[in-house]
Amino acid sequence: MFQVRIHGRGGQGVVSGAELLAIAAFREGRHAQAFPSFGSERMGAPVMAFCRIDDREIRLREPVMEPDVLIIQDPTLLHQVDLFKGLAATGLILINSTKSVVDLGLVDLLGGTRRYRLCRVPATEIAQRHVGRPVPNTALLGCLVAASGAIRLESIIAAIREKFAGNLAEGNVAAAGEAYTMARESREAVHA
């Protein structure tokens, strides 16, 4: 089973990102589930969403406690919430940032002897350029495709076009595509 946990803030498309990932998995004939977890429902409040993908029926209904992939849509959460709890020892971290590992403070945050894979992309800037709004979710899904190979880019694009229409859909497709290309060139390993 492939498990993803997405962290961000209200208004950044955290829940929509998980839903798009699940739709993409369905389009590939796989089983998937996506659901949110949040406290106060207000713009800017911390939000989490989860997605599970498997080739068999998924019977679990609890939050993803041990993700294979951690998507961080808002890097300001790095020092406010324990984002890395339960992340697999060789887990993949996708961060909406171009700051270095040191500048993000990840070396101290991750601690221990694990080796993580990290992909940093300026997802908000990409979204602003293509969508006209600072909503990084589809750009980060493009990054996920490039860094993990768990879903095909064509499936993400089809999911975006299924959920959105017109210029909004095409802007999000362009954002996912640009982040996909960028992520293929920027993968790195982080020793914590």
N, C-alpha and C. Protein backbone atom coordinates (compact mmCIF):
# COMPACT_ATOMS: atom_id res chain seq x y z
N MET A 1 0.84 -1.17 0.00
CA MET A 1 0.00 0.00 0.00
C MET A 1 0.89 1.24 0.00
N PHE A 2 0.53 2.23 -0.79
CA PHE A 2 1.25 3.49 -0.92
C PHE A 2 0.46 4.54 -0.15
N GLN A 3 1.09 5.18 0.84
CA GLN A 3 0.37 6.11 1.71
C GLN A 3 1.01 7.49 1.67
N VAL A 4 0.17 8.51 1.56
CA VAL A 4 0.63 9.89 1.46
C VAL A 4 -0.07 10.72 2.53
N ARG A 5 0.71 11.57 3.17
CA ARG A 5 0.13 12.53 4.12
C ARG A 5 0.52 13.92 3.64
N ILE A 6 -0.47 14.80 3.54
CA ILE A 6 -0.27 16.15 3.04
C ILE A 6 -0.53 17.15 4.17
N HIS A 7 0.43 18.05 4.37
CA HIS A 7 0.29 19.10 5.38
C HIS A 7 0.28 20.46 4.70
N GLY A 8 -0.61 21.32 5.12
CA GLY A 8 -0.66 22.68 4.60
C GLY A 8 -1.58 23.51 5.45
N ARG A 9 -2.06 24.57 4.85
CA ARG A 9 -2.98 25.46 5.55
C ARG A 9 -4.28 25.58 4.76
N GLY A 10 -5.35 25.91 5.45
CA GLY A 10 -6.64 26.09 4.80
C GLY A 10 -6.54 27.07 3.66
N GLY A 11 -7.06 26.70 2.51
CA GLY A 11 -7.02 27.55 1.34
C GLY A 11 -5.91 27.21 0.36
N GLN A 12 -5.04 26.25 0.72
CA GLN A 12 -3.93 25.86 -0.16
C GLN A 12 -4.26 24.64 -1.02
N GLY A 13 -5.45 24.12 -0.91
CA GLY A 13 -5.83 22.97 -1.72
C GLY A 13 -5.33 21.64 -1.20
N VAL A 14 -5.12 21.53 0.10
CA VAL A 14 -4.63 20.29 0.70
C VAL A 14 -5.62 19.14 0.45
N VAL A 15 -6.88 19.38 0.75
CA VAL A 15 -7.90 18.34 0.60
C VAL A 15 -8.09 18.01 -0.89
N SER A 16 -8.14 19.02 -1.73
CA SER A 16 -8.28 18.80 -3.18
C SER A 16 -7.10 18.01 -3.74
N GLY A 17 -5.90 18.27 -3.22
CA GLY A 17 -4.72 17.53 -3.67
C GLY A 17 -4.85 16.04 -3.39
N ALA A 18 -5.31 15.69 -2.19
CA ALA A 18 -5.50 14.28 -1.85
C ALA A 18 -6.58 13.67 -2.74
N GLU A 19 -7.65 14.40 -2.97
CA GLU A 19 -8.72 13.90 -3.83
C GLU A 19 -8.24 13.68 -5.26
N LEU A 20 -7.46 14.61 -5.79
CA LEU A 20 -6.93 14.47 -7.15
C LEU A 20 -6.02 13.25 -7.26
N LEU A 21 -5.22 13.01 -6.23
CA LEU A 21 -4.35 11.84 -6.23
C LEU A 21 -5.17 10.56 -6.24
N ALA A 22 -6.24 10.52 -5.46
CA ALA A 22 -7.12 9.34 -5.43
C ALA A 22 -7.82 9.14 -6.78
N ILE A 23 -8.29 10.23 -7.38
CA ILE A 23 -8.94 10.13 -8.70
C ILE A 23 -7.96 9.58 -9.73
N ALA A 24 -6.72 10.06 -9.68
CA ALA A 24 -5.69 9.57 -10.61
C ALA A 24 -5.47 8.07 -10.43
N ALA A 25 -5.45 7.61 -9.19
CA ALA A 25 -5.28 6.18 -8.92
C ALA A 25 -6.47 5.38 -9.46
N PHE A 26 -7.68 5.88 -9.24
CA PHE A 26 -8.88 5.21 -9.78
C PHE A 26 -8.78 5.09 -11.29
N ARG A 27 -8.31 6.14 -11.94
CA ARG A 27 -8.19 6.13 -13.40
C ARG A 27 -7.20 5.07 -13.87
N GLU A 28 -6.28 4.67 -13.01
CA GLU A 28 -5.32 3.62 -13.34
C GLU A 28 -5.84 2.24 -12.93
N GLY A 29 -7.10 2.17 -12.49
CA GLY A 29 -7.69 0.89 -12.11
C GLY A 29 -7.29 0.41 -10.73
N ARG A 30 -6.81 1.32 -9.90
CA ARG A 30 -6.39 0.95 -8.55
C ARG A 30 -7.42 1.39 -7.53
N HIS A 31 -7.27 0.93 -6.33
CA HIS A 31 -8.13 1.33 -5.22
C HIS A 31 -7.47 2.51 -4.52
N ALA A 32 -8.29 3.44 -4.04
CA ALA A 32 -7.74 4.61 -3.36
C ALA A 32 -8.77 5.20 -2.42
N GLN A 33 -8.27 5.92 -1.45
CA GLN A 33 -9.13 6.69 -0.56
C GLN A 33 -8.41 7.99 -0.21
N ALA A 34 -9.17 9.03 -0.05
CA ALA A 34 -8.63 10.33 0.32
C ALA A 34 -9.58 10.96 1.32
N PHE A 35 -9.03 11.54 2.38
CA PHE A 35 -9.87 12.20 3.36
C PHE A 35 -9.05 13.21 4.15
N PRO A 36 -9.71 14.25 4.68
CA PRO A 36 -9.01 15.31 5.41
C PRO A 36 -9.05 15.11 6.92
N SER A 37 -8.25 15.92 7.59
CA SER A 37 -8.29 16.03 9.04
C SER A 37 -7.94 17.47 9.37
N PHE A 38 -8.85 18.18 9.99
CA PHE A 38 -8.56 19.56 10.37
C PHE A 38 -9.39 19.94 11.57
N GLY A 39 -8.90 20.96 12.27
CA GLY A 39 -9.61 21.47 13.45
C GLY A 39 -10.58 22.54 13.01
N SER A 40 -10.24 23.77 13.35
CA SER A 40 -11.12 24.88 12.97
C SER A 40 -11.07 25.07 11.46
N GLU A 41 -12.23 25.18 10.88
CA GLU A 41 -12.32 25.32 9.42
C GLU A 41 -12.22 26.79 9.04
N ARG A 42 -10.97 27.27 8.99
CA ARG A 42 -10.78 28.66 8.58
C ARG A 42 -9.55 28.77 7.71
N MET A 43 -9.54 29.78 6.89
CA MET A 43 -8.43 30.06 6.00
C MET A 43 -7.16 30.24 6.83
N GLY A 44 -6.11 29.54 6.46
CA GLY A 44 -4.82 29.69 7.13
C GLY A 44 -4.57 28.72 8.28
N ALA A 45 -5.60 28.01 8.74
CA ALA A 45 -5.41 27.05 9.83
C ALA A 45 -4.71 25.80 9.29
N PRO A 46 -3.87 25.14 10.12
CA PRO A 46 -3.22 23.90 9.67
C PRO A 46 -4.24 22.84 9.27
N VAL A 47 -3.96 22.18 8.16
CA VAL A 47 -4.84 21.15 7.61
C VAL A 47 -3.98 19.96 7.21
N MET A 48 -4.50 18.77 7.39
CA MET A 48 -3.87 17.55 6.93
C MET A 48 -4.86 16.80 6.06
N ALA A 49 -4.34 16.12 5.05
CA ALA A 49 -5.18 15.23 4.25
C ALA A 49 -4.36 13.98 3.98
N PHE A 50 -5.06 12.90 3.72
CA PHE A 50 -4.42 11.60 3.56
C PHE A 50 -4.89 10.95 2.26
N CYS A 51 -4.02 10.15 1.69
CA CYS A 51 -4.39 9.37 0.52
C CYS A 51 -3.70 8.01 0.61
N ARG A 52 -4.47 6.98 0.36
CA ARG A 52 -3.93 5.62 0.27
C ARG A 52 -4.23 5.08 -1.11
N ILE A 53 -3.27 4.35 -1.67
CA ILE A 53 -3.43 3.73 -2.98
C ILE A 53 -2.95 2.30 -2.89
N ASP A 54 -3.73 1.39 -3.45
CA ASP A 54 -3.34 -0.02 -3.43
C ASP A 54 -3.97 -0.73 -4.63
N ASP A 55 -3.45 -1.90 -4.92
CA ASP A 55 -4.02 -2.71 -5.98
C ASP A 55 -5.19 -3.55 -5.47
N ARG A 56 -5.34 -3.61 -4.14
CA ARG A 56 -6.44 -4.35 -3.53
C ARG A 56 -7.35 -3.38 -2.78
N GLU A 57 -8.51 -3.85 -2.42
CA GLU A 57 -9.44 -3.04 -1.65
C GLU A 57 -8.79 -2.56 -0.36
N ILE A 58 -9.04 -1.32 0.01
CA ILE A 58 -8.45 -0.74 1.22
C ILE A 58 -9.52 -0.74 2.31
N ARG A 59 -9.24 -1.42 3.39
CA ARG A 59 -10.21 -1.52 4.48
C ARG A 59 -9.88 -0.58 5.65
N LEU A 60 -8.68 -0.04 5.68
CA LEU A 60 -8.29 0.89 6.74
C LEU A 60 -9.13 2.15 6.65
N ARG A 61 -9.43 2.74 7.79
CA ARG A 61 -10.20 3.99 7.79
C ARG A 61 -9.56 5.04 8.70
N GLU A 62 -8.43 4.74 9.28
CA GLU A 62 -7.80 5.70 10.18
C GLU A 62 -6.80 6.58 9.43
N PRO A 63 -6.39 7.69 10.04
CA PRO A 63 -5.41 8.57 9.40
C PRO A 63 -4.11 7.82 9.06
N VAL A 64 -3.39 8.34 8.09
CA VAL A 64 -2.11 7.75 7.69
C VAL A 64 -1.08 8.12 8.76
N MET A 65 -0.65 7.14 9.51
CA MET A 65 0.31 7.37 10.59
C MET A 65 1.75 7.10 10.15
N GLU A 66 1.91 6.26 9.13
CA GLU A 66 3.25 5.91 8.65
C GLU A 66 3.31 6.11 7.13
N PRO A 67 3.41 7.38 6.70
CA PRO A 67 3.37 7.66 5.27
C PRO A 67 4.65 7.25 4.55
N ASP A 68 4.49 6.89 3.29
CA ASP A 68 5.64 6.67 2.41
C ASP A 68 6.10 8.01 1.87
N VAL A 69 5.14 8.93 1.71
CA VAL A 69 5.42 10.26 1.17
C VAL A 69 4.78 11.30 2.08
N LEU A 70 5.54 12.34 2.34
CA LEU A 70 5.06 13.48 3.11
C LEU A 70 5.13 14.69 2.19
N ILE A 71 3.98 15.34 1.97
CA ILE A 71 3.93 16.54 1.15
C ILE A 71 3.71 17.73 2.08
N ILE A 72 4.62 18.68 2.03
CA ILE A 72 4.53 19.87 2.88
C ILE A 72 4.25 21.06 1.98
N GLN A 73 2.99 21.49 1.97
CA GLN A 73 2.58 22.59 1.11
C GLN A 73 2.96 23.95 1.67
N ASP A 74 3.13 24.03 2.99
CA ASP A 74 3.50 25.30 3.63
C ASP A 74 4.68 25.06 4.55
N PRO A 75 5.88 25.49 4.14
CA PRO A 75 7.07 25.23 4.95
C PRO A 75 7.07 25.94 6.29
N THR A 76 6.17 26.91 6.52
CA THR A 76 6.12 27.55 7.84
C THR A 76 5.64 26.55 8.90
N LEU A 77 5.06 25.45 8.48
CA LEU A 77 4.61 24.43 9.43
C LEU A 77 5.76 23.58 9.96
N LEU A 78 6.92 23.63 9.32
CA LEU A 78 8.05 22.79 9.71
C LEU A 78 8.39 22.92 11.18
N HIS A 79 8.30 24.10 11.72
CA HIS A 79 8.70 24.33 13.11
C HIS A 79 7.51 24.51 14.04
N GLN A 80 6.30 24.21 13.56
CA GLN A 80 5.11 24.36 14.37
C GLN A 80 4.43 23.04 14.69
N VAL A 81 4.61 22.05 13.82
CA VAL A 81 3.91 20.77 13.94
C VAL A 81 4.93 19.66 13.72
N ASP A 82 4.76 18.51 14.37
CA ASP A 82 5.66 17.38 14.14
C ASP A 82 5.26 16.68 12.85
N LEU A 83 5.70 17.23 11.74
CA LEU A 83 5.31 16.73 10.43
C LEU A 83 5.89 15.36 10.11
N PHE A 84 7.05 15.05 10.65
CA PHE A 84 7.80 13.87 10.22
C PHE A 84 7.48 12.62 11.03
N LYS A 85 6.59 12.74 11.99
CA LYS A 85 6.22 11.60 12.82
C LYS A 85 5.71 10.45 11.95
N GLY A 86 6.32 9.28 12.11
CA GLY A 86 5.88 8.09 11.41
C GLY A 86 6.39 7.94 9.99
N LEU A 87 7.11 8.93 9.47
CA LEU A 87 7.61 8.84 8.10
C LEU A 87 8.55 7.64 7.96
N ALA A 88 8.33 6.85 6.93
CA ALA A 88 9.15 5.66 6.69
C ALA A 88 10.63 6.04 6.65
N ALA A 89 11.49 5.13 7.08
CA ALA A 89 12.93 5.39 7.20
C ALA A 89 13.55 5.84 5.88
N THR A 90 13.01 5.42 4.77
CA THR A 90 13.51 5.86 3.47
C THR A 90 12.45 6.68 2.75
N GLY A 91 11.64 7.37 3.54
CA GLY A 91 10.50 8.11 3.00
C GLY A 91 10.88 9.25 2.08
N LEU A 92 9.88 9.69 1.35
CA LEU A 92 10.02 10.79 0.40
C LEU A 92 9.35 12.02 0.98
N ILE A 93 10.08 13.14 0.98
CA ILE A 93 9.57 14.41 1.47
C ILE A 93 9.52 15.37 0.30
N LEU A 94 8.34 15.93 0.06
CA LEU A 94 8.17 16.95 -0.98
C LEU A 94 7.84 18.26 -0.29
N ILE A 95 8.65 19.29 -0.57
CA ILE A 95 8.46 20.57 0.11
C ILE A 95 8.28 21.69 -0.90
N ASN A 96 7.32 22.52 -0.62
CA ASN A 96 7.03 23.71 -1.41
C ASN A 96 8.04 24.79 -1.01
N SER A 97 9.25 24.69 -1.53
CA SER A 97 10.31 25.64 -1.19
C SER A 97 11.51 25.42 -2.09
N THR A 98 12.33 26.44 -2.21
CA THR A 98 13.62 26.28 -2.89
C THR A 98 14.77 26.48 -1.91
N LYS A 99 14.45 26.71 -0.64
CA LYS A 99 15.50 26.89 0.37
C LYS A 99 16.28 25.59 0.54
N SER A 100 17.52 25.71 0.95
CA SER A 100 18.36 24.55 1.18
C SER A 100 17.88 23.79 2.41
N VAL A 101 18.36 22.58 2.55
CA VAL A 101 18.04 21.74 3.70
C VAL A 101 18.44 22.44 4.99
N VAL A 102 19.61 23.08 4.98
CA VAL A 102 20.09 23.80 6.15
C VAL A 102 19.20 25.01 6.44
N ASP A 103 18.88 25.79 5.41
CA ASP A 103 18.05 26.97 5.61
C ASP A 103 16.64 26.63 6.09
N LEU A 104 16.14 25.48 5.69
CA LEU A 104 14.83 25.04 6.15
C LEU A 104 14.88 24.48 7.58
N GLY A 105 16.08 24.20 8.07
CA GLY A 105 16.24 23.63 9.40
C GLY A 105 15.92 22.15 9.45
N LEU A 106 16.01 21.47 8.32
CA LEU A 106 15.62 20.05 8.26
C LEU A 106 16.62 19.13 8.95
N VAL A 107 17.88 19.46 8.95
CA VAL A 107 18.88 18.58 9.57
C VAL A 107 18.55 18.39 11.04
N ASP A 108 18.24 19.48 11.72
CA ASP A 108 17.89 19.39 13.15
C ASP A 108 16.52 18.75 13.36
N LEU A 109 15.57 19.05 12.48
CA LEU A 109 14.21 18.53 12.64
C LEU A 109 14.12 17.02 12.45
N LEU A 110 14.85 16.50 11.48
CA LEU A 110 14.71 15.09 11.14
C LEU A 110 15.44 14.18 12.11
N GLY A 111 16.57 14.60 12.64
CA GLY A 111 17.30 13.84 13.65
C GLY A 111 17.45 12.36 13.33
N GLY A 112 18.21 11.64 14.11
CA GLY A 112 18.36 10.19 13.95
C GLY A 112 19.32 9.80 12.85
N THR A 113 19.18 8.56 12.38
CA THR A 113 20.10 8.02 11.38
C THR A 113 19.39 7.61 10.10
N ARG A 114 18.21 8.13 9.88
CA ARG A 114 17.45 7.75 8.69
C ARG A 114 17.96 8.49 7.46
N ARG A 115 17.65 7.94 6.31
CA ARG A 115 17.98 8.58 5.04
C ARG A 115 16.67 8.83 4.30
N TYR A 116 16.36 10.09 4.10
CA TYR A 116 15.14 10.48 3.41
C TYR A 116 15.48 10.96 2.01
N ARG A 117 14.52 10.82 1.12
CA ARG A 117 14.63 11.44 -0.20
C ARG A 117 13.85 12.74 -0.14
N LEU A 118 14.40 13.78 -0.72
CA LEU A 118 13.79 15.10 -0.64
C LEU A 118 13.68 15.71 -2.02
N CYS A 119 12.54 16.35 -2.26
CA CYS A 119 12.34 17.08 -3.50
C CYS A 119 11.74 18.44 -3.13
N ARG A 120 12.45 19.50 -3.51
CA ARG A 120 12.00 20.86 -3.22
C ARG A 120 11.63 21.54 -4.54
N VAL A 121 10.44 22.09 -4.60
CA VAL A 121 10.01 22.87 -5.77
C VAL A 121 9.26 24.11 -5.29
N PRO A 122 9.37 25.22 -6.03
CA PRO A 122 8.64 26.44 -5.67
C PRO A 122 7.18 26.35 -6.14
N ALA A 123 6.43 25.48 -5.53
CA ALA A 123 5.07 25.16 -6.00
C ALA A 123 4.13 26.37 -5.96
N THR A 124 4.27 27.22 -4.95
CA THR A 124 3.40 28.39 -4.88
C THR A 124 3.68 29.34 -6.04
N GLU A 125 4.96 29.55 -6.34
CA GLU A 125 5.32 30.43 -7.45
C GLU A 125 4.85 29.85 -8.78
N ILE A 126 4.99 28.55 -8.93
CA ILE A 126 4.54 27.88 -10.16
C ILE A 126 3.03 28.05 -10.30
N ALA A 127 2.30 27.82 -9.22
CA ALA A 127 0.84 27.96 -9.25
C ALA A 127 0.43 29.41 -9.55
N GLN A 128 1.10 30.34 -8.92
CA GLN A 128 0.78 31.75 -9.15
C GLN A 128 0.95 32.11 -10.63
N ARG A 129 2.02 31.59 -11.23
CA ARG A 129 2.31 31.86 -12.64
C ARG A 129 1.26 31.24 -13.57
N HIS A 130 0.86 30.00 -13.30
CA HIS A 130 -0.03 29.28 -14.22
C HIS A 130 -1.51 29.38 -13.88
N VAL A 131 -1.82 29.47 -12.59
CA VAL A 131 -3.22 29.46 -12.15
C VAL A 131 -3.69 30.85 -11.73
N GLY A 132 -2.72 31.69 -11.37
CA GLY A 132 -3.07 33.03 -10.93
C GLY A 132 -3.43 33.11 -9.46
N ARG A 133 -3.21 32.01 -8.74
CA ARG A 133 -3.50 31.94 -7.31
C ARG A 133 -2.39 31.13 -6.64
N PRO A 134 -2.09 31.44 -5.36
CA PRO A 134 -1.02 30.72 -4.66
C PRO A 134 -1.49 29.39 -4.06
N VAL A 135 -1.96 28.50 -4.92
CA VAL A 135 -2.47 27.19 -4.47
C VAL A 135 -1.52 26.12 -5.02
N PRO A 136 -0.61 25.59 -4.18
CA PRO A 136 0.48 24.73 -4.65
C PRO A 136 0.14 23.26 -4.86
N ASN A 137 -1.09 22.85 -4.66
CA ASN A 137 -1.40 21.41 -4.65
C ASN A 137 -1.08 20.68 -5.95
N THR A 138 -1.50 21.20 -7.09
CA THR A 138 -1.28 20.45 -8.33
C THR A 138 0.18 20.44 -8.73
N ALA A 139 0.90 21.52 -8.43
CA ALA A 139 2.34 21.52 -8.70
C ALA A 139 3.03 20.44 -7.86
N LEU A 140 2.63 20.32 -6.61
CA LEU A 140 3.24 19.29 -5.76
C LEU A 140 2.85 17.88 -6.20
N LEU A 141 1.69 17.72 -6.81
CA LEU A 141 1.33 16.40 -7.35
C LEU A 141 2.22 16.07 -8.55
N GLY A 142 2.56 17.07 -9.35
CA GLY A 142 3.52 16.85 -10.44
C GLY A 142 4.87 16.42 -9.88
N CYS A 143 5.27 17.04 -8.79
CA CYS A 143 6.51 16.67 -8.11
C CYS A 143 6.43 15.24 -7.59
N LEU A 144 5.30 14.88 -7.01
CA LEU A 144 5.10 13.51 -6.50
C LEU A 144 5.27 12.48 -7.60
N VAL A 145 4.67 12.74 -8.74
CA VAL A 145 4.78 11.81 -9.87
C VAL A 145 6.24 11.61 -10.26
N ALA A 146 6.97 12.72 -10.39
CA ALA A 146 8.38 12.64 -10.82
C ALA A 146 9.25 11.94 -9.79
N ALA A 147 9.01 12.22 -8.52
CA ALA A 147 9.89 11.70 -7.47
C ALA A 147 9.56 10.27 -7.03
N SER A 148 8.29 9.86 -7.17
CA SER A 148 7.91 8.54 -6.65
C SER A 148 7.62 7.51 -7.73
N GLY A 149 7.07 7.95 -8.86
CA GLY A 149 6.66 7.02 -9.90
C GLY A 149 5.44 6.20 -9.52
N ALA A 150 4.77 6.55 -8.43
CA ALA A 150 3.62 5.77 -7.96
C ALA A 150 2.38 5.96 -8.82
N ILE A 151 2.30 7.08 -9.50
CA ILE A 151 1.18 7.42 -10.38
C ILE A 151 1.77 8.02 -11.65
N ARG A 152 1.07 7.85 -12.74
CA ARG A 152 1.55 8.44 -14.01
C ARG A 152 1.10 9.89 -14.12
N LEU A 153 1.91 10.72 -14.75
CA LEU A 153 1.56 12.13 -14.96
C LEU A 153 0.26 12.24 -15.75
N GLU A 154 0.05 11.37 -16.71
CA GLU A 154 -1.17 11.41 -17.52
C GLU A 154 -2.41 11.23 -16.64
N SER A 155 -2.29 10.42 -15.60
CA SER A 155 -3.42 10.19 -14.70
C SER A 155 -3.72 11.42 -13.86
N ILE A 156 -2.67 12.09 -13.40
CA ILE A 156 -2.85 13.33 -12.64
C ILE A 156 -3.50 14.39 -13.53
N ILE A 157 -3.02 14.50 -14.76
CA ILE A 157 -3.57 15.47 -15.71
C ILE A 157 -5.05 15.18 -15.96
N ALA A 158 -5.39 13.92 -16.16
CA ALA A 158 -6.80 13.55 -16.39
C ALA A 158 -7.65 13.88 -15.16
N ALA A 159 -7.11 13.64 -13.97
CA ALA A 159 -7.84 13.94 -12.73
C ALA A 159 -8.08 15.45 -12.61
N ILE A 160 -7.07 16.24 -12.94
CA ILE A 160 -7.21 17.70 -12.88
C ILE A 160 -8.31 18.15 -13.85
N ARG A 161 -8.29 17.61 -15.05
CA ARG A 161 -9.30 18.01 -16.05
C ARG A 161 -10.69 17.51 -15.68
N GLU A 162 -10.76 16.43 -14.90
CA GLU A 162 -12.05 15.93 -14.43
C GLU A 162 -12.62 16.83 -13.34
N LYS A 163 -11.75 17.35 -12.48
CA LYS A 163 -12.20 18.16 -11.35
C LYS A 163 -12.42 19.63 -11.72
N PHE A 164 -11.60 20.16 -12.60
CA PHE A 164 -11.67 21.57 -12.98
C PHE A 164 -12.04 21.69 -14.46
N ALA A 165 -12.38 22.91 -14.87
CA ALA A 165 -12.75 23.12 -16.27
C ALA A 165 -12.00 24.32 -16.83
N GLY A 166 -11.94 24.38 -18.14
CA GLY A 166 -11.43 25.55 -18.85
C GLY A 166 -10.03 25.96 -18.49
N ASN A 167 -9.85 27.29 -18.33
CA ASN A 167 -8.54 27.84 -18.03
C ASN A 167 -8.00 27.38 -16.69
N LEU A 168 -8.89 27.18 -15.73
CA LEU A 168 -8.44 26.70 -14.41
C LEU A 168 -7.82 25.31 -14.53
N ALA A 169 -8.46 24.45 -15.29
CA ALA A 169 -7.91 23.10 -15.50
C ALA A 169 -6.57 23.18 -16.21
N GLU A 170 -6.50 23.94 -17.28
CA GLU A 170 -5.27 23.99 -18.07
C GLU A 170 -4.13 24.66 -17.31
N GLY A 171 -4.46 25.65 -16.50
CA GLY A 171 -3.43 26.27 -15.65
C GLY A 171 -2.86 25.29 -14.65
N ASN A 172 -3.75 24.48 -14.05
CA ASN A 172 -3.29 23.46 -13.10
C ASN A 172 -2.50 22.35 -13.79
N VAL A 173 -2.90 22.00 -14.99
CA VAL A 173 -2.14 21.01 -15.76
C VAL A 173 -0.73 21.55 -16.04
N ALA A 174 -0.65 22.82 -16.44
CA ALA A 174 0.66 23.43 -16.70
C ALA A 174 1.50 23.48 -15.44
N ALA A 175 0.90 23.78 -14.30
CA ALA A 175 1.62 23.82 -13.03
C ALA A 175 2.17 22.44 -12.67
N ALA A 176 1.35 21.41 -12.82
CA ALA A 176 1.80 20.04 -12.55
C ALA A 176 2.94 19.65 -13.48
N GLY A 177 2.81 20.01 -14.75
CA GLY A 177 3.84 19.67 -15.73
C GLY A 177 5.17 20.35 -15.45
N GLU A 178 5.11 21.64 -15.11
CA GLU A 178 6.36 22.37 -14.81
C GLU A 178 7.04 21.79 -13.57
N ALA A 179 6.27 21.52 -12.53
CA ALA A 179 6.85 20.96 -11.30
C ALA A 179 7.40 19.56 -11.55
N TYR A 180 6.72 18.79 -12.39
CA TYR A 180 7.20 17.45 -12.76
C TYR A 180 8.59 17.55 -13.38
N THR A 181 8.74 18.45 -14.34
CA THR A 181 10.03 18.62 -15.01
C THR A 181 11.10 19.09 -14.04
N MET A 182 10.75 20.05 -13.21
CA MET A 182 11.69 20.58 -12.23
C MET A 182 12.11 19.51 -11.23
N ALA A 183 11.16 18.72 -10.77
CA ALA A 183 11.44 17.69 -9.76
C ALA A 183 12.34 16.59 -10.30
N ARG A 184 12.22 16.29 -11.56
CA ARG A 184 13.08 15.25 -12.15
C ARG A 184 14.54 15.65 -12.09
N GLU A 185 14.79 16.94 -12.01
CA GLU A 185 16.16 17.44 -11.99
C GLU A 185 16.66 17.78 -10.61
N SER A 186 15.80 17.74 -9.58
CA SER A 186 16.22 18.25 -8.26
C SER A 186 16.15 17.25 -7.12
N ARG A 187 16.05 15.98 -7.39
CA ARG A 187 15.98 15.02 -6.29
C ARG A 187 17.30 14.95 -5.56
N GLU A 188 17.22 14.79 -4.24
CA GLU A 188 18.42 14.69 -3.42
C GLU A 188 18.13 13.80 -2.22
N ALA A 189 19.18 13.36 -1.58
CA ALA A 189 19.02 12.55 -0.37
C ALA A 189 19.39 13.40 0.82
N VAL A 190 18.69 13.21 1.93
CA VAL A 190 18.97 13.93 3.15
C VAL A 190 19.30 12.92 4.22
N HIS A 191 20.47 13.03 4.78
CA HIS A 191 20.84 12.18 5.90
C HIS A 191 20.48 12.93 7.16
N ALA A 192 19.67 12.30 7.99
CA ALA A 192 19.27 12.98 9.22
C ALA A 192 19.84 12.26 10.40
